[in-house]
Amino acid sequence: MRRKTWIILAAIPVLLLAGDLAYWQYGVSRLRAGLRDWVAARRAEGWEVAMGQPSRGGWPYAASLTVPNLSLRHRGPAMPGDVRWASASVMLSMPLYQPTGLTIRLEGPQHVQLGDAQDMVITGEALDWSVDLLATRTTLPLTLRARGLRLEPAGGGWHATAGLLSMDIEIAEAPDPTTPPVRFSLSAEAIGLPSSVRWALGPTLSSLATDGKFSGSVPADRSERDMAGWAAAWRDNGGSLEISHFAMGWGPLGVTGGATLALDEELQPMGSGTVRLLGFAEALDRLAAGGVMTKSAATAAKAVLSLLAGSAAGDEPSSVDVPLTLQYRTLSMRQVPLLRLPELDWSHQ
């Protein structure tokens, strides 16, 4: 009797390991089938897909599939121009204890190129996309968590960085007048701006956060459309960007607020919003000293803001709520022009 008990006790972990191994193999087979279906769907949409031989791993905690040298390219009418993306390695991972969650880890350099623009290289300590496989079929929810990001042209010359980046996106999978095509939420910390430019407010943004949605659509007939054609079609179909929340800390300036933006007849950004400015006096002085705006514009802006602002307590910087408008590439505050934006040239997009 005692011997039989010991045999049973010894068999339990063996059976558990065997079951876990079988479950892992099933998970890997699901990932392989999903990868095949995804590649077939992309090719049916006109994408060129290339990749190395996938390898399995992750046992005993997860089922994973590592795909080396994965690349996508699209030249057809369903995309605005030539779109290219290449990854040194992509790992698909599904925890065995949570088989409804898929993590897509991008490893090594990521190359992204749109049209004739420069080949941009993205690297990071961690760059993970997550997908909920049980989410509603009407939208595709995507989550990005990244750490230690670096963005630079393949030929060098400048780079930008972000210590932390978090982004959540919901993409409508079918046209629905009650559902915006894209909803998004983004936050980032310790953003290092390119050192090739002298930034009047400093080379680092301490924080940036925004929530919003894109509205409008592109017509189904997209043949021979370039980026300008796509932008015009989006504008003509009610295209807009609604920012429900925005917050930024940059040097002495703190900004919170919201806005609605669209494209004008010349395909230049236009819109309006309301923001709360904190530390505006020092920020305007820096912008004028850096040549971003004229001294007269900075003086006029400070005068108007000082009249609108309440008295600050102690040494705290003054804050004020102000309406802003963007029209004909000019950002204005209560009819006072603040700065002129560069022209958005769609011919090189």
Protein backbone atom coordinates (compact mmCIF):
# COMPACT_ATOMS: atom_id res chain seq x y z
CA MET A 1 0.00 0.00 0.00
CA ARG A 2 2.76 2.40 0.97
CA ARG A 3 4.67 1.56 -2.22
CA LYS A 4 1.61 2.27 -4.33
CA THR A 5 1.18 5.63 -2.57
CA TRP A 6 4.75 6.63 -3.36
CA ILE A 7 4.32 5.62 -6.98
CA ILE A 8 1.20 7.76 -7.25
CA LEU A 9 2.93 10.72 -5.58
CA ALA A 10 5.91 10.38 -7.91
CA ALA A 11 3.63 10.13 -10.94
CA ILE A 12 1.76 13.36 -10.18
CA PRO A 13 4.59 15.80 -11.11
CA VAL A 14 5.42 13.69 -14.16
CA LEU A 15 1.81 13.90 -15.33
CA LEU A 16 1.74 17.64 -14.62
CA LEU A 17 4.90 18.19 -16.63
CA ALA A 18 3.55 16.04 -19.46
CA GLY A 19 0.29 17.99 -19.44
CA ASP A 20 2.14 21.31 -19.41
CA LEU A 21 4.32 20.14 -22.30
CA ALA A 22 1.29 19.07 -24.32
CA TYR A 23 -0.42 22.39 -23.55
CA TRP A 24 2.73 24.26 -24.61
CA GLN A 25 2.85 22.35 -27.90
CA TYR A 26 -0.80 23.21 -28.50
CA GLY A 27 -0.07 26.88 -27.78
CA VAL A 28 2.85 26.88 -30.22
CA SER A 29 0.66 25.30 -32.90
CA ARG A 30 -1.94 28.03 -32.34
CA LEU A 31 0.74 30.69 -32.78
CA ARG A 32 1.99 29.03 -35.98
CA ALA A 33 -1.54 28.86 -37.39
CA GLY A 34 -2.20 32.47 -36.40
CA LEU A 35 1.04 33.60 -38.04
CA ARG A 36 0.17 31.75 -41.26
CA ASP A 37 -3.30 33.31 -41.33
CA TRP A 38 -1.86 36.79 -40.66
CA VAL A 39 0.71 36.47 -43.46
CA ALA A 40 -1.98 35.22 -45.87
CA ALA A 41 -4.29 38.12 -44.97
CA ARG A 42 -1.52 40.71 -45.44
CA ARG A 43 -0.55 39.27 -48.81
CA ALA A 44 -4.20 39.33 -49.89
CA GLU A 45 -4.17 43.08 -49.06
CA GLY A 46 -1.19 43.62 -51.33
CA TRP A 47 1.64 43.47 -48.79
CA GLU A 48 4.97 41.82 -49.57
CA VAL A 49 5.90 39.68 -46.56
CA ALA A 50 9.34 38.14 -45.98
CA MET A 51 10.68 36.34 -42.90
CA GLY A 52 13.11 33.71 -41.68
CA GLN A 53 12.26 30.31 -40.24
CA PRO A 54 10.30 30.71 -36.96
CA SER A 55 11.62 28.95 -33.85
CA ARG A 56 9.56 27.91 -30.83
CA GLY A 57 10.30 28.45 -27.14
CA GLY A 58 8.95 29.77 -23.86
CA TRP A 59 8.29 26.47 -22.07
CA PRO A 60 7.24 25.91 -19.27
CA TYR A 61 5.57 29.28 -18.64
CA ALA A 62 4.58 30.44 -22.12
CA ALA A 63 4.25 29.37 -25.72
CA SER A 64 6.40 31.57 -27.95
CA LEU A 65 7.40 31.79 -31.57
CA THR A 66 10.40 33.89 -32.65
CA VAL A 67 10.34 35.16 -36.24
CA PRO A 68 13.71 36.49 -37.51
CA ASN A 69 14.08 39.15 -40.20
CA LEU A 70 10.38 39.92 -40.61
CA SER A 71 9.66 42.64 -43.17
CA LEU A 72 6.57 44.19 -44.75
CA ARG A 73 6.29 46.35 -47.86
CA HIS A 74 3.28 47.80 -49.64
CA ARG A 75 3.24 49.61 -52.98
CA GLY A 76 -0.37 49.16 -54.01
CA PRO A 77 -3.30 51.62 -54.09
CA ALA A 78 -4.55 50.58 -50.65
CA MET A 79 -1.70 52.57 -49.05
CA PRO A 80 -0.52 56.17 -49.64
CA GLY A 81 2.81 55.54 -51.34
CA ASP A 82 5.50 53.02 -50.56
CA VAL A 83 5.43 51.76 -46.96
CA ARG A 84 8.25 49.62 -45.57
CA TRP A 85 8.90 48.07 -42.14
CA ALA A 86 11.58 45.57 -41.16
CA SER A 87 12.43 44.01 -37.79
CA ALA A 88 15.52 42.11 -36.77
CA SER A 89 13.32 39.77 -34.75
CA VAL A 90 9.69 39.50 -33.61
CA MET A 91 8.68 37.22 -30.74
CA LEU A 92 5.04 36.14 -30.37
CA SER A 93 4.31 35.02 -26.83
CA MET A 94 1.19 33.64 -25.15
CA PRO A 95 1.29 32.90 -21.39
CA LEU A 96 0.04 29.38 -20.67
CA TYR A 97 -1.84 30.68 -17.62
CA GLN A 98 -3.52 33.40 -19.74
CA PRO A 99 -4.05 32.03 -23.26
CA THR A 100 -6.23 34.98 -24.29
CA GLY A 101 -3.37 37.49 -24.19
CA LEU A 102 -0.84 37.82 -27.01
CA THR A 103 2.39 39.79 -26.62
CA ILE A 104 4.37 40.87 -29.68
CA ARG A 105 7.93 41.78 -28.67
CA LEU A 106 9.99 43.68 -31.23
CA GLU A 107 13.67 42.92 -30.75
CA GLY A 108 16.68 44.60 -32.31
CA PRO A 109 16.56 47.55 -34.74
CA GLN A 110 13.19 48.40 -36.31
CA HIS A 111 13.33 50.10 -39.72
CA VAL A 112 10.38 52.24 -40.88
CA GLN A 113 10.22 54.14 -44.17
CA LEU A 114 7.35 56.01 -45.82
CA GLY A 115 7.68 56.94 -49.48
CA ASP A 116 10.86 58.85 -50.23
CA ALA A 117 11.42 59.83 -46.60
CA GLN A 118 14.52 58.71 -44.72
CA ASP A 119 14.79 55.21 -43.36
CA MET A 120 14.11 55.66 -39.64
CA VAL A 121 15.58 53.27 -37.07
CA ILE A 122 13.86 52.58 -33.74
CA THR A 123 15.65 50.77 -30.93
CA GLY A 124 14.75 50.26 -27.27
CA GLU A 125 15.38 48.33 -24.09
CA ALA A 126 11.80 47.01 -24.35
CA LEU A 127 9.23 47.38 -27.13
CA ASP A 128 6.12 45.26 -26.56
CA TRP A 129 2.70 45.26 -28.21
CA SER A 130 -0.18 43.45 -26.50
CA VAL A 131 -3.46 42.21 -28.00
CA ASP A 132 -6.53 40.89 -26.16
CA LEU A 133 -7.68 37.89 -28.20
CA LEU A 134 -11.12 37.92 -26.56
CA ALA A 135 -11.83 41.59 -27.28
CA THR A 136 -14.92 42.63 -29.22
CA ARG A 137 -14.73 41.99 -32.94
CA THR A 138 -15.86 45.52 -33.80
CA THR A 139 -12.56 47.07 -32.68
CA LEU A 140 -8.94 45.96 -32.54
CA PRO A 141 -7.37 47.00 -29.21
CA LEU A 142 -3.59 47.40 -29.17
CA THR A 143 -1.34 48.30 -26.24
CA LEU A 144 2.27 49.46 -26.53
CA ARG A 145 4.67 49.55 -23.60
CA ALA A 146 8.21 50.72 -24.34
CA ARG A 147 11.28 51.70 -22.35
CA GLY A 148 14.54 53.34 -23.37
CA LEU A 149 13.42 54.27 -26.90
CA ARG A 150 15.71 55.88 -29.46
CA LEU A 151 14.67 57.19 -32.90
CA GLU A 152 17.19 58.25 -35.54
CA PRO A 153 17.71 58.24 -39.31
CA ALA A 154 19.65 55.26 -40.67
CA GLY A 155 22.30 57.70 -41.89
CA GLY A 156 22.62 59.38 -38.47
CA GLY A 157 22.73 63.13 -37.95
CA TRP A 158 20.26 63.40 -35.06
CA HIS A 159 18.29 61.30 -32.61
CA ALA A 160 15.36 61.57 -30.21
CA THR A 161 14.75 59.47 -27.09
CA ALA A 162 12.03 58.59 -24.59
CA GLY A 163 12.58 57.02 -21.20
CA LEU A 164 9.07 55.55 -21.03
CA LEU A 165 6.27 55.34 -23.56
CA SER A 166 2.77 53.92 -23.11
CA MET A 167 0.10 53.89 -25.80
CA ASP A 168 -3.36 52.33 -26.10
CA ILE A 169 -5.15 52.28 -29.46
CA GLU A 170 -8.57 51.05 -30.55
CA ILE A 171 -9.00 50.63 -34.31
CA ALA A 172 -12.47 50.11 -35.78
CA GLU A 173 -12.40 46.99 -37.95
CA ALA A 174 -15.52 47.94 -39.91
CA PRO A 175 -17.05 51.30 -40.94
CA ASP A 176 -19.51 52.49 -38.30
CA PRO A 177 -20.87 56.05 -38.10
CA THR A 178 -21.19 55.74 -34.32
CA THR A 179 -17.60 54.59 -33.78
CA PRO A 180 -14.53 56.72 -34.61
CA PRO A 181 -11.98 54.89 -36.78
CA VAL A 182 -9.23 55.34 -34.19
CA ARG A 183 -9.16 56.13 -30.46
CA PHE A 184 -5.85 56.59 -28.71
CA SER A 185 -4.24 57.37 -25.37
CA LEU A 186 -0.53 58.17 -25.11
CA SER A 187 1.86 59.11 -22.33
CA ALA A 188 5.62 59.52 -22.30
CA GLU A 189 8.30 60.64 -19.87
CA ALA A 190 11.85 61.96 -20.19
CA ILE A 191 11.61 62.85 -23.88
CA GLY A 192 14.95 63.92 -25.32
CA LEU A 193 14.62 66.16 -28.39
CA PRO A 194 17.16 66.16 -31.25
CA SER A 195 20.32 67.97 -30.21
CA SER A 196 20.81 69.25 -33.77
CA VAL A 197 18.14 71.89 -33.00
CA ARG A 198 18.43 74.56 -30.34
CA TRP A 199 15.22 74.32 -28.32
CA ALA A 200 14.22 77.55 -26.61
CA LEU A 201 12.49 75.73 -23.74
CA GLY A 202 15.23 73.15 -23.32
CA PRO A 203 16.15 69.83 -24.95
CA THR A 204 13.93 67.67 -22.70
CA LEU A 205 10.20 67.32 -22.16
CA SER A 206 9.62 66.02 -18.66
CA SER A 207 6.23 64.56 -19.56
CA LEU A 208 3.66 64.37 -22.32
CA ALA A 209 0.17 62.84 -22.24
CA THR A 210 -2.79 62.99 -24.58
CA ASP A 211 -6.13 61.26 -25.25
CA GLY A 212 -8.17 61.65 -28.40
CA LYS A 213 -9.73 60.20 -31.49
CA PHE A 214 -9.54 60.43 -35.28
CA SER A 215 -12.80 60.86 -37.17
CA GLY A 216 -13.50 60.67 -40.88
CA SER A 217 -12.58 58.05 -43.44
CA VAL A 218 -10.81 57.53 -46.74
CA PRO A 219 -13.01 56.44 -49.70
CA ALA A 220 -12.83 52.81 -50.75
CA ASP A 221 -11.66 53.85 -54.24
CA ARG A 222 -8.04 54.72 -53.38
CA SER A 223 -6.37 53.99 -56.72
CA GLU A 224 -3.33 56.11 -57.56
CA ARG A 225 -3.62 58.26 -54.46
CA ASP A 226 -0.49 59.85 -53.04
CA MET A 227 -0.24 61.28 -49.53
CA ALA A 228 -1.76 64.60 -50.60
CA GLY A 229 -4.69 62.74 -52.21
CA TRP A 230 -5.23 60.71 -49.05
CA ALA A 231 -5.11 63.82 -46.87
CA ALA A 232 -7.61 65.62 -49.12
CA ALA A 233 -9.96 62.61 -49.17
CA TRP A 234 -9.80 62.34 -45.37
CA ARG A 235 -10.52 66.07 -45.01
CA ASP A 236 -13.45 65.93 -47.47
CA ASN A 237 -14.99 63.01 -45.55
CA GLY A 238 -15.14 64.89 -42.26
CA GLY A 239 -11.63 64.09 -41.10
CA SER A 240 -10.65 65.63 -37.78
CA LEU A 241 -8.45 65.02 -34.76
CA GLU A 242 -10.18 65.62 -31.43
CA ILE A 243 -7.82 65.89 -28.46
CA SER A 244 -9.94 65.50 -25.36
CA HIS A 245 -6.98 65.81 -22.99
CA PHE A 246 -3.46 67.13 -23.39
CA ALA A 247 -0.78 67.74 -20.77
CA MET A 248 2.86 68.68 -21.24
CA GLY A 249 5.75 69.79 -19.07
CA TRP A 250 8.55 71.50 -21.00
CA GLY A 251 11.10 73.57 -19.16
CA PRO A 252 9.28 76.34 -17.23
CA LEU A 253 6.05 75.78 -19.17
CA GLY A 254 3.16 73.56 -18.11
CA VAL A 255 0.24 73.08 -20.50
CA THR A 256 -3.09 71.28 -20.12
CA GLY A 257 -6.16 71.47 -22.31
CA GLY A 258 -7.91 70.14 -25.39
CA ALA A 259 -8.46 71.00 -29.04
CA THR A 260 -10.02 69.95 -32.33
CA LEU A 261 -7.85 70.00 -35.47
CA ALA A 262 -8.51 69.44 -39.17
CA LEU A 263 -6.99 70.36 -42.55
CA ASP A 264 -7.82 73.53 -44.49
CA GLU A 265 -8.14 73.98 -48.26
CA GLU A 266 -4.33 74.03 -48.58
CA LEU A 267 -4.03 70.84 -46.48
CA GLN A 268 -2.52 72.78 -43.61
CA PRO A 269 -3.55 72.21 -39.97
CA MET A 270 -6.29 74.41 -38.57
CA GLY A 271 -8.36 74.28 -35.41
CA SER A 272 -9.12 75.72 -32.02
CA GLY A 273 -8.89 74.78 -28.38
CA THR A 274 -8.57 75.97 -24.83
CA VAL A 275 -5.48 75.50 -22.71
CA ARG A 276 -4.29 76.30 -19.21
CA LEU A 277 -0.78 77.76 -19.15
CA LEU A 278 1.50 77.60 -16.14
CA GLY A 279 4.79 79.52 -16.07
CA PHE A 280 3.92 81.40 -19.25
CA ALA A 281 5.98 84.53 -18.51
CA GLU A 282 9.35 82.78 -18.38
CA ALA A 283 8.41 80.54 -21.30
CA LEU A 284 7.53 83.54 -23.51
CA ASP A 285 10.81 85.24 -22.60
CA ARG A 286 12.72 82.12 -23.62
CA LEU A 287 10.80 81.79 -26.88
CA ALA A 288 11.56 85.39 -27.78
CA ALA A 289 15.23 85.02 -26.84
CA GLY A 290 15.45 81.88 -28.97
CA GLY A 291 13.94 83.59 -32.02
CA VAL A 292 10.84 81.37 -32.06
CA MET A 293 8.64 84.48 -31.81
CA THR A 294 9.29 88.19 -31.97
CA LYS A 295 9.90 90.20 -28.80
CA SER A 296 6.86 92.36 -29.60
CA ALA A 297 4.63 89.28 -29.89
CA ALA A 298 5.99 87.92 -26.60
CA THR A 299 5.42 91.26 -24.87
CA ALA A 300 1.86 91.50 -26.19
CA ALA A 301 1.12 87.91 -25.19
CA LYS A 302 2.47 88.44 -21.68
CA ALA A 303 0.39 91.60 -21.27
CA VAL A 304 -2.83 89.86 -22.30
CA LEU A 305 -2.11 86.76 -20.22
CA SER A 306 -1.18 88.82 -17.16
CA LEU A 307 -4.53 90.61 -17.35
CA LEU A 308 -6.38 87.30 -17.60
CA ALA A 309 -4.36 85.47 -14.98
CA GLY A 310 -5.28 85.46 -11.35
CA SER A 311 -2.74 86.47 -8.75
CA ALA A 312 -0.32 83.67 -7.87
CA ALA A 313 0.24 82.64 -4.27
CA GLY A 314 3.76 83.23 -2.99
CA ASP A 315 6.48 82.25 -5.44
CA GLU A 316 4.20 80.04 -7.54
CA PRO A 317 4.12 80.86 -11.27
CA SER A 318 0.94 82.42 -12.63
CA SER A 319 -1.57 80.28 -14.52
CA VAL A 320 -4.27 81.27 -16.96
CA ASP A 321 -6.94 79.65 -19.18
CA VAL A 322 -6.85 80.94 -22.75
CA PRO A 323 -8.45 80.10 -26.11
CA LEU A 324 -6.11 79.35 -29.00
CA THR A 325 -6.79 79.24 -32.74
CA LEU A 326 -4.70 77.88 -35.59
CA GLN A 327 -5.48 79.31 -39.01
CA TYR A 328 -3.34 79.91 -42.10
CA ARG A 329 -0.41 78.33 -40.22
CA THR A 330 -0.58 81.05 -37.54
CA LEU A 331 -1.18 80.19 -33.89
CA SER A 332 -3.06 83.02 -32.19
CA MET A 333 -4.32 83.81 -28.71
CA ARG A 334 -7.35 86.10 -28.56
CA GLN A 335 -6.48 87.59 -31.97
CA VAL A 336 -2.84 88.06 -30.91
CA PRO A 337 -0.51 86.14 -33.28
CA LEU A 338 2.01 84.08 -31.36
CA LEU A 339 4.02 82.17 -33.95
CA ARG A 340 4.05 81.06 -37.56
CA LEU A 341 4.25 77.33 -38.25
CA PRO A 342 6.28 75.87 -41.13
CA GLU A 343 4.34 74.69 -44.15
CA LEU A 344 3.39 71.03 -44.21
CA ASP A 345 4.72 69.77 -47.57
CA TRP A 346 2.73 66.68 -48.58
CA SER A 347 4.71 66.14 -51.78
CA HIS A 348 7.58 64.65 -49.74
CA GLN A 349 5.46 62.59 -47.35
